[in-house]
Protein backbone atom coordinates (compact mmCIF):
# COMPACT_ATOMS: atom_id res chain seq x y z
CA MET A 1 -80.83 99.84 -26.59
CA THR A 2 -82.91 98.54 -29.52
CA LEU A 3 -83.18 94.79 -29.98
CA THR A 4 -83.88 93.90 -33.58
CA PRO A 5 -85.91 90.55 -33.78
CA VAL A 6 -84.37 88.05 -36.22
CA ARG A 7 -85.96 85.26 -38.29
CA PRO A 8 -85.25 81.90 -36.87
CA SER A 9 -84.06 78.99 -39.21
CA VAL A 10 -87.03 76.67 -38.75
CA PRO A 11 -88.56 74.75 -41.55
CA ALA A 12 -92.11 75.66 -42.66
CA ALA A 13 -94.81 73.40 -41.26
CA ASP A 14 -98.58 73.08 -41.45
CA GLY A 15 -98.94 72.38 -37.84
CA GLY A 16 -100.01 75.80 -36.79
CA ALA A 17 -103.66 75.40 -37.86
CA ASP A 18 -106.33 74.12 -35.49
CA ARG A 19 -107.94 70.70 -36.13
CA ARG A 20 -111.30 72.33 -36.82
CA GLY A 21 -109.76 74.36 -39.66
CA ALA A 22 -109.54 77.69 -37.85
CA PRO A 23 -106.44 79.71 -38.82
CA PRO A 24 -103.90 80.35 -36.07
CA THR A 25 -103.74 83.85 -34.68
CA ARG A 26 -100.55 85.90 -35.26
CA THR A 27 -99.79 87.25 -31.86
CA VAL A 28 -97.26 89.89 -30.73
CA VAL A 29 -95.80 89.55 -27.27
CA LEU A 30 -93.79 92.24 -25.50
CA TRP A 31 -91.78 91.04 -22.51
CA VAL A 32 -89.70 93.00 -20.00
CA PRO A 33 -87.35 90.51 -18.33
CA ASP A 34 -87.53 90.23 -14.55
CA TRP A 35 -90.24 92.78 -14.22
CA PRO A 36 -91.07 92.40 -10.48
CA VAL A 37 -87.40 93.32 -9.72
CA VAL A 38 -87.46 96.14 -12.23
CA ALA A 39 -90.58 97.46 -10.65
CA ALA A 40 -89.01 97.51 -7.23
CA MET A 41 -86.04 99.50 -8.69
CA VAL A 42 -88.45 101.88 -10.39
CA ASP A 43 -90.21 102.28 -6.88
CA GLY A 44 -86.92 103.09 -5.19
CA GLN A 45 -86.92 100.02 -3.10
CA VAL A 46 -83.54 98.77 -4.35
CA GLU A 47 -80.54 100.31 -6.21
CA ALA A 48 -80.08 99.18 -9.75
CA HIS A 49 -76.43 97.91 -9.21
CA ARG A 50 -77.19 95.61 -6.20
CA PRO A 51 -78.23 92.05 -6.67
CA ALA A 52 -81.94 91.67 -5.97
CA ALA A 53 -84.68 89.07 -5.95
CA VAL A 54 -88.35 88.92 -5.25
CA HIS A 55 -89.88 86.12 -3.16
CA ASP A 56 -93.42 85.04 -2.13
CA GLY A 57 -92.47 84.19 1.40
CA ARG A 58 -91.07 80.79 0.44
CA LEU A 59 -89.39 80.81 -2.93
CA VAL A 60 -87.66 83.23 -5.20
CA THR A 61 -90.03 84.29 -7.86
CA ALA A 62 -87.85 86.83 -9.92
CA VAL A 63 -84.13 87.55 -10.14
CA SER A 64 -82.23 90.58 -11.34
CA ALA A 65 -79.35 90.13 -13.87
CA THR A 66 -76.74 90.92 -11.24
CA ALA A 67 -78.08 88.25 -8.86
CA ARG A 68 -78.36 85.78 -11.70
CA ALA A 69 -74.61 86.24 -12.29
CA HIS A 70 -74.02 85.23 -8.74
CA GLY A 71 -76.02 81.96 -9.27
CA VAL A 72 -79.40 82.88 -7.87
CA ARG A 73 -82.12 81.26 -9.76
CA ARG A 74 -85.94 81.25 -9.63
CA GLY A 75 -87.43 78.57 -7.43
CA MET A 76 -84.66 78.71 -4.85
CA ARG A 77 -85.51 79.01 -1.26
CA ARG A 78 -84.51 82.29 0.42
CA ARG A 79 -81.71 80.97 2.54
CA GLN A 80 -80.23 79.16 -0.50
CA ALA A 81 -80.36 82.40 -2.57
CA GLN A 82 -78.54 84.28 0.18
CA GLU A 83 -75.83 81.62 0.28
CA CYS A 84 -75.26 82.24 -3.51
CA ALA A 85 -75.12 86.02 -3.04
CA PRO A 86 -74.48 87.20 0.57
CA GLY A 87 -75.34 90.82 -0.27
CA LEU A 88 -78.66 89.83 -1.95
CA GLU A 89 -81.60 92.18 -1.44
CA LEU A 90 -84.74 90.19 -0.85
CA LEU A 91 -88.00 92.00 -1.68
CA ALA A 92 -91.49 90.83 -0.97
CA ALA A 93 -93.82 90.15 -3.89
CA ASP A 94 -96.20 93.18 -4.49
CA ASP A 95 -98.77 92.77 -7.33
CA GLY A 96 -99.99 96.31 -6.91
CA ARG A 97 -96.51 97.74 -7.25
CA ASP A 98 -95.91 95.56 -10.35
CA ALA A 99 -99.11 96.63 -12.03
CA ARG A 100 -98.78 100.33 -11.11
CA THR A 101 -95.22 100.70 -12.46
CA PHE A 102 -95.98 98.76 -15.68
CA GLU A 103 -98.60 101.26 -16.78
CA PRO A 104 -96.04 103.59 -18.40
CA VAL A 105 -94.84 100.69 -20.48
CA ALA A 106 -98.35 99.97 -21.63
CA ALA A 107 -98.89 103.62 -22.39
CA ALA A 108 -95.67 103.64 -24.52
CA VAL A 109 -96.95 100.63 -26.46
CA GLU A 110 -100.27 102.36 -27.21
CA THR A 111 -98.37 105.10 -29.03
CA VAL A 112 -97.51 102.41 -31.58
CA VAL A 113 -100.61 100.17 -31.50
CA ALA A 114 -104.15 101.25 -30.69
CA GLY A 115 -105.09 98.35 -28.42
CA LEU A 116 -103.35 95.69 -26.25
CA GLU A 117 -104.03 93.21 -23.45
CA ILE A 118 -101.78 93.01 -20.28
CA ALA A 119 -101.52 89.37 -19.54
CA ARG A 120 -99.49 90.14 -16.41
CA PRO A 121 -97.19 92.92 -15.37
CA GLY A 122 -94.08 92.55 -17.57
CA LEU A 123 -95.93 90.80 -20.39
CA LEU A 124 -98.45 92.21 -22.84
CA LEU A 125 -100.08 90.83 -25.96
CA LEU A 126 -101.60 92.41 -29.07
CA PRO A 127 -102.96 91.12 -32.40
CA ALA A 128 -100.25 91.20 -35.04
CA ALA A 129 -102.39 91.35 -38.26
CA GLY A 130 -103.70 95.03 -38.37
CA ALA A 131 -100.66 96.42 -36.51
CA SER A 132 -98.04 94.80 -38.88
CA ARG A 133 -99.90 95.89 -41.98
CA TYR A 134 -100.06 99.46 -40.76
CA HIS A 135 -96.32 99.61 -40.01
CA GLY A 136 -95.21 97.58 -43.06
CA SER A 137 -94.10 94.26 -41.55
CA GLU A 138 -93.89 92.34 -38.37
CA HIS A 139 -90.10 93.09 -38.12
CA VAL A 140 -90.72 96.86 -38.32
CA LEU A 141 -93.63 96.63 -35.76
CA ALA A 142 -91.29 94.84 -33.30
CA GLU A 143 -88.55 97.38 -33.75
CA ARG A 144 -90.92 100.29 -33.12
CA LEU A 145 -92.29 98.74 -30.07
CA VAL A 146 -88.91 98.22 -28.51
CA THR A 147 -87.89 101.69 -29.47
CA ALA A 148 -91.01 103.36 -28.07
CA VAL A 149 -90.66 101.53 -24.65
CA ALA A 150 -86.95 102.50 -24.40
CA HIS A 151 -87.41 106.16 -25.21
CA ALA A 152 -90.61 106.47 -22.99
CA THR A 153 -89.50 104.45 -19.88
CA GLY A 154 -85.81 103.59 -20.30
CA HIS A 155 -86.53 99.86 -19.96
CA GLU A 156 -85.21 97.24 -22.32
CA CYS A 157 -87.85 94.81 -23.67
CA GLN A 158 -87.98 92.00 -26.09
CA VAL A 159 -90.69 91.39 -28.68
CA GLY A 160 -91.72 88.11 -30.34
CA VAL A 161 -94.23 87.31 -33.03
CA ALA A 162 -95.64 83.83 -33.87
CA ASP A 163 -98.78 81.80 -34.29
CA GLY A 164 -100.54 81.33 -30.89
CA LEU A 165 -99.83 82.39 -27.40
CA LEU A 166 -97.17 79.86 -26.31
CA ALA A 167 -95.00 80.20 -29.55
CA ALA A 168 -95.20 84.05 -29.30
CA VAL A 169 -94.23 84.12 -25.59
CA LEU A 170 -91.21 81.93 -26.30
CA ALA A 171 -90.34 83.87 -29.35
CA ALA A 172 -90.40 87.08 -27.25
CA ARG A 173 -87.86 85.50 -24.74
CA SER A 174 -85.46 85.14 -27.77
CA SER A 175 -86.44 88.24 -29.74
CA LEU A 176 -87.67 86.17 -32.67
CA VAL A 177 -90.26 86.52 -35.45
CA VAL A 178 -91.46 83.00 -36.20
CA PRO A 179 -92.80 82.68 -39.82
CA ALA A 180 -96.48 82.08 -40.18
CA GLY A 181 -97.31 78.31 -40.20
CA SER A 182 -93.97 77.53 -38.54
CA ALA A 183 -95.06 77.42 -34.97
CA ARG A 184 -95.37 73.60 -34.90
CA ALA A 185 -91.84 73.09 -35.95
CA PHE A 186 -90.56 75.84 -33.61
CA LEU A 187 -92.31 74.26 -30.63
CA ASP A 188 -91.87 70.46 -31.27
CA PRO A 189 -88.33 70.15 -29.98
CA LEU A 190 -89.00 72.11 -26.80
CA GLY A 191 -89.50 70.46 -23.39
CA VAL A 192 -93.00 70.31 -21.93
CA ASP A 193 -91.91 72.58 -19.06
CA VAL A 194 -92.11 75.58 -21.44
CA LEU A 195 -95.92 75.37 -20.87
CA LEU A 196 -95.32 77.18 -17.72
CA HIS A 197 -94.59 80.34 -19.61
CA ALA A 198 -98.18 80.41 -20.88
CA ALA A 199 -99.65 80.29 -17.33
CA MET A 200 -100.52 83.82 -16.38
CA THR A 201 -101.73 83.39 -12.74
CA GLU A 202 -100.28 81.60 -9.49
CA ARG A 203 -103.13 79.09 -9.71
CA ALA A 204 -102.45 78.50 -13.40
CA VAL A 205 -98.80 77.95 -12.65
CA THR A 206 -99.65 75.37 -9.98
CA GLU A 207 -101.95 73.48 -12.23
CA VAL A 208 -99.71 73.53 -15.24
CA GLY A 209 -96.75 72.48 -13.08
CA ALA A 210 -98.64 69.40 -12.03
CA LEU A 211 -99.52 68.64 -15.64
CA VAL A 212 -95.89 69.05 -16.74
CA ASP A 213 -94.80 66.57 -13.97
CA LEU A 214 -97.49 64.05 -15.05
CA LEU A 215 -96.43 64.32 -18.79
CA ARG A 216 -92.84 63.68 -17.80
CA ARG A 217 -93.69 60.63 -15.81
CA LEU A 218 -95.67 59.22 -18.62
CA GLY A 219 -92.69 59.65 -20.96
CA LEU A 220 -93.90 62.86 -22.84
CA ALA A 221 -90.65 64.86 -22.61
CA THR A 222 -91.21 67.29 -25.56
CA LEU A 223 -94.12 69.26 -27.07
CA GLY A 224 -93.64 67.04 -30.15
CA ASP A 225 -94.37 63.98 -28.11
CA LEU A 226 -97.54 65.71 -26.77
CA THR A 227 -98.84 66.82 -30.19
CA ALA A 228 -98.29 63.35 -31.62
CA LEU A 229 -101.18 62.13 -29.57
CA PRO A 230 -104.78 62.36 -30.98
CA PRO A 231 -106.56 65.52 -29.41
CA ALA A 232 -109.52 63.28 -28.33
CA ASP A 233 -107.21 60.97 -26.41
CA VAL A 234 -105.43 63.81 -24.71
CA GLU A 235 -108.79 65.33 -23.62
CA ALA A 236 -110.08 61.96 -22.34
CA ARG A 237 -106.86 61.40 -20.23
CA PHE A 238 -105.96 64.98 -19.13
CA GLY A 239 -109.20 66.93 -19.29
CA ASP A 240 -109.53 70.59 -20.26
CA LEU A 241 -105.99 71.40 -19.05
CA GLY A 242 -104.68 68.71 -21.36
CA THR A 243 -106.70 70.03 -24.31
CA TRP A 244 -105.43 73.64 -23.52
CA ALA A 245 -101.84 72.44 -23.52
CA HIS A 246 -102.21 70.32 -26.71
CA ARG A 247 -103.69 73.22 -28.56
CA LEU A 248 -100.90 75.61 -27.53
CA ALA A 249 -98.29 73.10 -28.35
CA ARG A 250 -99.70 72.83 -31.92
CA GLY A 251 -99.33 76.62 -32.38
CA GLY A 252 -102.99 77.36 -31.66
CA ASP A 253 -104.58 79.55 -29.20
CA VAL A 254 -107.53 79.49 -26.87
CA ARG A 255 -108.62 82.98 -27.85
CA PRO A 256 -107.07 85.97 -29.59
CA PRO A 257 -105.74 88.81 -27.46
CA THR A 258 -108.27 91.11 -26.06
CA ARG A 259 -107.72 94.79 -26.75
CA ARG A 260 -107.43 96.97 -23.72
CA ARG A 261 -110.14 99.62 -23.47
CA LEU A 262 -108.49 103.08 -24.08
CA GLU A 263 -111.59 105.29 -23.19
CA PRO A 264 -111.93 106.13 -19.56
CA ASP A 265 -115.14 105.67 -17.62
CA VAL A 266 -117.51 108.68 -17.56
CA ALA A 267 -118.70 109.37 -14.07
CA VAL A 268 -120.88 111.91 -12.25
CA GLU A 269 -121.82 112.20 -8.52
CA CYS A 270 -123.22 114.61 -6.06
CA GLU A 271 -123.47 115.13 -2.26
CA LEU A 272 -127.02 114.92 -0.81
CA ASP A 273 -127.49 117.68 1.78
CA PRO A 274 -129.65 117.10 3.68
CA PRO A 275 -129.29 113.28 3.47
CA ALA A 276 -132.03 111.66 1.26
CA GLU A 277 -134.34 109.44 3.51
CA ARG A 278 -137.13 109.04 0.84
CA VAL A 279 -136.91 107.64 -2.70
CA ASP A 280 -138.43 110.66 -4.34
CA ALA A 281 -135.93 113.01 -2.90
CA ALA A 282 -133.03 110.76 -4.11
CA ALA A 283 -134.58 110.24 -7.48
CA PHE A 284 -134.74 114.00 -7.97
CA ALA A 285 -130.97 114.19 -7.58
CA ALA A 286 -130.59 111.04 -9.79
CA ARG A 287 -132.44 112.84 -12.54
CA ARG A 288 -129.88 115.68 -12.63
CA LEU A 289 -127.01 113.20 -12.61
CA ALA A 290 -128.60 111.14 -15.46
CA GLU A 291 -128.88 114.28 -17.58
CA GLN A 292 -125.28 115.28 -16.94
CA LEU A 293 -124.09 111.72 -17.81
CA GLN A 294 -126.15 111.57 -21.02
CA THR A 295 -124.84 115.02 -22.01
CA MET A 296 -121.18 114.00 -21.41
CA LEU A 297 -121.67 110.86 -23.45
CA VAL A 298 -123.20 112.77 -26.31
CA GLU A 299 -120.33 115.29 -26.36
CA ARG A 300 -117.86 112.46 -26.55
CA SER A 301 -119.95 110.62 -29.25
CA ALA A 302 -119.67 107.54 -27.11
CA SER A 303 -121.88 104.69 -25.62
CA CYS A 304 -121.30 102.37 -22.84
CA GLY A 305 -121.84 98.74 -22.07
CA ARG A 306 -122.66 98.96 -18.34
CA LEU A 307 -124.08 101.52 -15.93
CA ARG A 308 -122.63 101.62 -12.34
CA ILE A 309 -124.71 103.11 -9.62
CA THR A 310 -123.03 103.94 -6.28
CA ALA A 311 -124.31 105.48 -3.08
CA ARG A 312 -123.04 106.14 0.48
CA THR A 313 -125.14 106.05 3.51
CA GLU A 314 -124.95 107.90 6.80
CA SER A 315 -123.91 104.66 8.52
CA GLY A 316 -120.78 104.51 6.25
CA ASP A 317 -122.04 101.73 3.97
CA GLU A 318 -121.05 102.06 0.21
CA LEU A 319 -123.51 100.40 -2.10
CA VAL A 320 -122.61 99.43 -5.62
CA ARG A 321 -124.80 97.89 -8.31
CA THR A 322 -124.10 97.47 -12.03
CA TRP A 323 -126.64 97.19 -14.81
CA ARG A 324 -126.10 96.25 -18.48
CA THR A 325 -127.27 98.85 -20.99
CA ASP A 326 -129.84 98.19 -23.67
CA ALA A 327 -129.34 97.36 -27.36
CA GLY A 328 -129.52 100.28 -29.66
CA GLY A 329 -126.62 102.44 -28.60
CA LEU A 330 -127.45 105.89 -27.12
CA GLY A 331 -131.22 105.15 -27.44
CA GLY A 332 -130.87 102.75 -24.58
CA LEU A 333 -129.21 105.42 -22.36
CA SER A 334 -131.69 108.25 -22.29
CA ALA A 335 -131.81 110.30 -19.17
CA ALA A 336 -135.27 108.93 -18.37
CA ARG A 337 -134.06 105.30 -18.49
CA ILE A 338 -130.96 105.98 -16.45
CA THR A 339 -133.16 107.61 -13.91
CA ASP A 340 -135.52 104.61 -13.88
CA ARG A 341 -132.64 102.12 -13.17
CA VAL A 342 -131.32 104.53 -10.45
CA ARG A 343 -134.75 104.83 -8.83
CA TRP A 344 -135.29 100.97 -8.87
CA GLN A 345 -131.98 100.54 -7.09
CA LEU A 346 -132.60 103.28 -4.54
CA GLU A 347 -135.94 101.68 -3.67
CA GLY A 348 -134.15 98.52 -2.69
CA TRP A 349 -131.49 100.26 -0.87
CA LEU A 350 -133.59 102.64 1.15
CA SER A 351 -136.03 99.86 2.07
CA GLY A 352 -133.15 97.43 3.03
CA SER A 353 -134.48 94.78 0.62
CA GLN A 354 -131.18 94.35 -1.32
CA GLY A 355 -127.58 93.84 -0.61
CA GLY A 356 -125.11 96.53 -1.92
CA GLY A 357 -122.64 94.35 -3.61
CA GLY A 358 -119.78 95.19 -1.46
CA GLY A 359 -117.62 98.23 -0.82
CA ARG A 360 -115.88 100.30 1.85
CA GLY A 361 -117.10 101.11 5.21
CA GLY A 362 -118.70 97.84 6.09
CA GLY A 363 -120.99 97.32 3.03
CA GLY A 364 -119.71 93.75 2.52
CA ALA A 365 -120.93 91.56 -0.38
CA GLY A 366 -123.73 89.29 0.55
CA ARG A 367 -124.84 91.33 3.58
CA THR A 368 -128.06 93.45 3.48
CA PRO A 369 -127.36 96.86 4.92
CA GLU A 370 -129.70 98.49 7.38
CA PRO A 371 -131.98 101.09 5.92
CA SER A 372 -130.14 104.37 6.10
CA ALA A 373 -130.29 107.87 4.60
CA LEU A 374 -128.03 108.51 1.64
CA VAL A 375 -125.40 111.21 1.71
CA ARG A 376 -123.67 110.62 -1.72
CA LEU A 377 -125.01 109.37 -5.08
CA GLY A 378 -122.93 108.49 -8.22
CA VAL A 379 -123.62 107.19 -11.66
CA ALA A 380 -120.86 106.02 -13.92
CA ALA A 381 -120.75 104.74 -17.61
CA GLU A 382 -118.39 101.71 -17.95
CA GLU A 383 -117.02 100.06 -21.02
CA VAL A 384 -117.17 103.35 -22.84
CA ALA A 385 -116.56 103.01 -26.60
CA PRO A 386 -117.08 105.30 -29.64
CA ALA A 387 -120.74 105.28 -30.69
CA GLY A 388 -121.33 102.75 -33.44
CA ALA A 389 -118.19 100.71 -32.63
CA GLU A 390 -119.93 97.92 -30.77
CA GLN A 391 -119.22 94.41 -31.79
CA GLY A 392 -121.90 93.22 -34.21
CA ARG A 393 -124.03 90.12 -33.46
CA LEU A 394 -123.32 86.81 -35.17
CA TRP A 395 -126.44 87.05 -37.34
CA GLY A 396 -126.46 90.87 -37.90
CA GLY A 397 -127.43 93.92 -35.89
CA ALA A 398 -130.42 94.40 -33.65
CA SER A 399 -133.70 94.19 -35.59
CA GLY A 400 -136.72 96.43 -35.06
CA GLY A 401 -138.46 93.58 -33.18
CA ASP A 402 -135.49 93.32 -30.77
CA LEU A 403 -135.52 97.02 -30.04
CA ARG A 404 -139.36 96.99 -29.54
CA ALA A 405 -139.03 94.08 -27.20
CA HIS A 406 -136.34 95.89 -25.15
CA ARG A 407 -138.57 98.96 -24.90
CA ALA A 408 -141.54 96.77 -23.74
CA LEU A 409 -139.43 95.13 -21.07
CA LEU A 410 -138.21 98.59 -19.88
CA ARG A 411 -141.92 99.79 -19.78
CA VAL A 412 -142.83 96.72 -17.75
CA GLN A 413 -139.93 97.41 -15.40
CA GLY A 414 -140.98 101.02 -15.10
CA LEU A 415 -144.47 99.85 -14.05
CA LEU A 416 -143.47 97.01 -11.73
CA GLY A 417 -139.93 97.86 -10.70
CA GLY A 418 -136.56 96.35 -11.39
CA ASP A 419 -137.59 92.99 -10.09
CA GLY A 420 -140.73 92.88 -12.27
CA VAL A 421 -138.87 91.31 -15.29
CA LEU A 422 -136.67 88.32 -14.57
CA VAL A 423 -134.32 86.33 -16.94
CA ALA A 424 -132.34 83.12 -16.41
CA ALA A 425 -128.64 83.16 -15.74
CA LEU A 426 -126.14 80.50 -15.23
CA GLN A 427 -124.26 80.01 -11.93
CA GLY A 428 -122.23 77.42 -10.17
CA GLY A 429 -123.83 74.30 -8.70
CA ARG A 430 -123.89 70.42 -8.74
CA ASP A 431 -127.55 69.79 -9.64
CA VAL A 432 -128.93 70.92 -13.06
CA ARG A 433 -131.57 72.89 -11.29
CA ASP A 434 -129.04 74.80 -9.08
CA GLN A 435 -127.11 76.07 -12.06
CA VAL A 436 -129.80 78.31 -13.31
CA HIS A 437 -131.30 81.20 -11.31
CA LEU A 438 -133.48 84.23 -12.08
CA VAL A 439 -132.06 87.81 -12.06
CA PRO A 440 -133.63 91.23 -12.84
CA TRP A 441 -133.40 91.93 -16.54
CA GLY A 442 -130.44 94.09 -17.33
CA ASP A 443 -128.70 93.45 -13.92
CA ALA A 444 -124.95 92.94 -14.41
CA ARG A 445 -124.15 91.77 -10.94
CA ALA A 446 -121.99 88.72 -10.60
CA THR A 447 -123.62 85.51 -9.37
CA ASP A 448 -122.99 84.41 -5.72
CA ARG A 449 -121.68 80.99 -6.97
CA ALA A 450 -119.18 81.35 -9.81
CA ALA A 451 -119.53 78.75 -12.48
CA ASP A 452 -115.82 78.34 -13.05
CA ARG A 453 -115.04 77.06 -9.51
CA PRO A 454 -114.76 73.33 -8.78
CA TRP A 455 -118.09 71.68 -8.04
CA PRO A 456 -117.54 68.14 -7.01
CA GLY A 457 -120.22 65.95 -8.15
CA ARG A 458 -121.29 68.11 -11.03
CA LEU A 459 -122.40 66.43 -14.25
CA PRO A 460 -119.94 66.50 -17.11
CA ASP A 461 -120.82 68.54 -20.23
CA PRO A 462 -122.95 68.78 -22.23
CA ALA A 463 -125.79 70.08 -20.09
CA PRO A 464 -129.33 68.95 -20.71
CA ALA A 465 -131.46 71.20 -22.98
CA THR A 466 -134.74 70.82 -21.04
CA VAL A 467 -135.07 70.57 -17.37
CA LEU A 468 -138.42 69.38 -16.11
CA VAL A 469 -140.36 71.43 -13.68
CA GLU A 470 -141.36 68.36 -11.86
CA PRO A 471 -139.24 65.16 -12.12
CA VAL A 472 -141.12 62.24 -13.60
CA VAL A 473 -140.99 58.89 -11.71
CA VAL A 474 -139.51 56.03 -13.90
CA ASP A 475 -138.61 52.39 -13.59
CA VAL A 476 -135.06 51.33 -14.55
CA LEU A 477 -134.65 47.60 -15.29
CA ASP A 478 -131.82 45.29 -16.14
CA ASP A 479 -131.61 42.64 -18.82
CA ALA A 480 -133.56 40.24 -16.58
CA GLY A 481 -136.37 42.73 -15.95
CA ARG A 482 -135.38 43.29 -12.32
CA PRO A 483 -135.31 46.88 -10.94
CA VAL A 484 -131.81 48.48 -10.83
CA ARG A 485 -130.86 49.33 -7.30
CA VAL A 486 -128.35 51.77 -5.86
CA ASP A 487 -126.53 50.66 -2.74
CA ALA A 488 -125.07 52.74 0.16
CA ARG A 489 -121.83 53.08 -1.77
CA LEU A 490 -123.80 54.71 -4.62
CA MET A 491 -123.13 51.72 -6.92
CA MET A 492 -125.80 50.13 -9.23
CA SER A 493 -126.77 46.51 -8.71
CA ALA A 494 -126.76 45.80 -12.49
CA PRO A 495 -126.23 47.55 -15.91
CA PRO A 496 -129.50 49.28 -16.91
CA ALA A 497 -131.16 47.96 -20.01
CA THR A 498 -134.76 49.31 -20.09
CA VAL A 499 -136.50 52.51 -18.91
CA CYS A 500 -140.38 52.86 -18.57
CA TRP A 501 -142.59 55.30 -16.74
CA ALA A 502 -143.85 54.20 -13.36
CA ALA A 503 -147.59 53.94 -12.66
CA GLY A 504 -149.29 57.32 -12.86
CA ALA A 505 -146.20 59.16 -14.28
CA GLY A 506 -147.02 61.81 -16.88
CA ALA A 507 -150.21 62.81 -18.56
CA GLY A 508 -152.27 59.61 -19.18
CA ALA A 509 -149.44 57.10 -18.53
CA GLY A 510 -150.43 53.74 -17.54
CA ALA A 511 -149.06 51.24 -15.07
CA GLY A 512 -145.41 50.54 -15.91
CA ALA A 513 -145.69 50.41 -19.77
CA GLY A 514 -148.65 52.44 -20.77
CA ALA A 515 -149.36 51.72 -24.47
CA GLY A 516 -148.70 54.98 -26.33
CA ALA A 517 -149.19 57.27 -23.26
CA THR A 518 -147.04 60.24 -23.31
CA ALA A 519 -145.11 61.00 -20.16
CA LEU A 520 -142.49 63.39 -21.66
CA PRO A 521 -142.52 65.59 -24.78
CA GLY A 522 -141.87 63.43 -27.69
CA VAL A 523 -141.34 60.18 -25.52
CA ASP A 524 -144.06 57.55 -24.89
CA ALA A 525 -144.30 55.65 -21.70
CA GLY A 526 -142.22 52.81 -23.01
CA PRO A 527 -140.67 50.48 -22.24
CA HIS A 528 -137.58 51.82 -24.05
CA ARG A 529 -134.37 49.74 -24.66
CA LEU A 530 -131.26 51.63 -23.87
CA VAL A 531 -128.53 51.75 -26.72
CA ALA A 532 -126.04 53.62 -24.49
CA TRP A 533 -125.67 54.86 -20.91
CA ALA A 534 -122.95 56.74 -18.89
CA GLY A 535 -122.60 56.97 -15.17
CA PRO A 536 -123.50 56.51 -12.50
CA TRP A 537 -122.38 59.98 -11.40
CA PRO A 538 -122.51 59.96 -7.52
CA MET A 539 -123.40 63.07 -5.46
CA VAL A 540 -123.39 63.44 -1.72
CA GLU A 541 -124.73 66.73 -0.26
CA ARG A 542 -124.58 67.83 3.42
CA TRP A 543 -122.61 64.78 4.33
CA TRP A 544 -121.61 66.31 7.65
CA THR A 545 -125.30 66.19 8.92
CA ALA A 546 -127.30 63.38 10.35
CA THR A 547 -129.37 63.02 7.24
CA PRO A 548 -127.03 63.47 4.24
CA ARG A 549 -128.63 63.52 0.77
CA ARG A 550 -127.23 60.76 -1.43
CA ARG A 551 -128.04 60.29 -5.06
CA VAL A 552 -126.66 59.24 -8.45
CA HIS A 553 -127.32 60.61 -11.96
CA LEU A 554 -127.38 58.41 -14.97
CA GLN A 555 -127.32 59.58 -18.68
CA VAL A 556 -129.11 57.19 -20.95
CA ALA A 557 -129.77 57.15 -24.78
CA LEU A 558 -133.02 55.44 -25.96
CA GLU A 559 -133.56 53.51 -29.10
CA GLY A 560 -135.60 56.32 -30.62
CA GLY A 561 -132.70 58.72 -30.54
CA ARG A 562 -133.77 60.67 -27.41
CA ALA A 563 -131.46 61.05 -24.40
CA LEU A 564 -132.44 61.41 -20.75
CA LEU A 565 -130.94 62.44 -17.42
CA LEU A 566 -132.11 59.99 -14.64
CA SER A 567 -131.61 60.39 -10.99
CA CYS A 568 -131.94 57.85 -8.12
CA SER A 569 -132.59 58.91 -4.51
CA GLN A 570 -133.89 56.86 -1.72
CA GLU A 571 -134.34 53.81 -3.97
CA GLN A 572 -136.53 55.76 -6.50
CA TRP A 573 -135.60 56.67 -10.06
CA THR A 574 -136.84 59.93 -11.63
CA CYS A 575 -136.29 61.54 -15.08
CA GLU A 576 -134.79 65.03 -14.38
CA ALA A 577 -134.15 66.42 -17.86
CA LEU A 578 -133.94 65.68 -21.58
CA TYR A 579 -131.08 66.11 -24.02
CA ASP A 580 -131.51 67.33 -27.55
């Protein structure tokens, strides 16, 4: 059955634009209702005419139309749902089943639109601008999407088009095409609980649910009540999650839909018989694989964004490492350069000096496998795209100087090995020094400490621009000229008023207030009056030990316009970093 989207009768409004002037993104959302239950029916786990529901072990998470007619609702406990429908089929949640059975739907959509993003099984997104122009209008595009899915899979789906993610998802639930610029008027009367429809993961559902409950208790019942507040106040009170909700409620979006990559990975592999115990023997096989991979990419007129190297050892470890490719398209993926990267990795694996990045057979992440002969070697090109179709840089393409620098770095790596050239990368951590670590240039491995995880005690953004190699000892004084102390509860004895370098701090700094001596780049020894300060930000590390490390951070702005990050530990203040 084809469902034709209709235009809602909402007045035009200017609320769809972002405060910074960025135009809203027209987004198409295709939604298959009750997909977890539909996926179970497709998998043969339940008959289509029987009432069915999917549960996560505690609560019902999806309900079929037949079960809904008996009064079963999402969020019910299993026993309560069975009381409503005694013949109810209860199915365990299975993300793998949902994703696997949704692939034919995505493939059907790709016969109409070239690229898409699967937000979760049962819900996919795609940019509306190019597709609607190609098909004539957003209404025609919606009709063709519904028809393509129905003909290819037999599933009924609903399509919505609107400005921003939240408005588009809600429009899809009613098969609507919301006119451009009308998202604000469409969303304002709706309750804040509709924000849950924009949460795509279980963790996000939990966090957004807590935010919705807080908004209700504060008297913000509708999205219009939320958007009536200034964005700065919402961010100050509710943090990043509040900013996200406020932007979606205005018809904006955090980011446009990401197109799904259509080109498959290109991979080659070979068995090593006899097993390779020396690097030169394995590198000889790697050379053949590199030439095969290069030939296959040239035949497809394709380039790739990452190179994945895999190996299996006699002991059963499967070792995996991924490298970023170089700027310059195919020129960065010559057979010789691919061979170099494989050789560097083999040297680490066969010597036992590097971990394998996880895999089957006991090669777990974070564990260094014992040196063992290799029985299989593989090389794969990931993020494959047509040659020349890479996203351009903000300030234009790669210059000749950039390419020469890349070649020079490759040459140095060829002479010194993969670890001969290191670059800084961001990782998770509480201290400003812990958040930066060095990795081999071109290595695309994930950091051991993800930056997006909670790090209690971490300084709020923005991060300092310059972190000093060695902290500089400073004196922090109050209005009366007394030193500011930090007690056992990590509270300051008085508000800070003046900062000066302690005796011997910096190059040529005098005692306390050296006249004109320079202790930091662009900052003399002081004393410097403070025009603003923030903190203290307490941090307690290894609190479970007999000697925990306690300290506080203080952000201060000097009269001259410079800003510093100060730290106090064991009754001593130091300058850790500078802000631009």
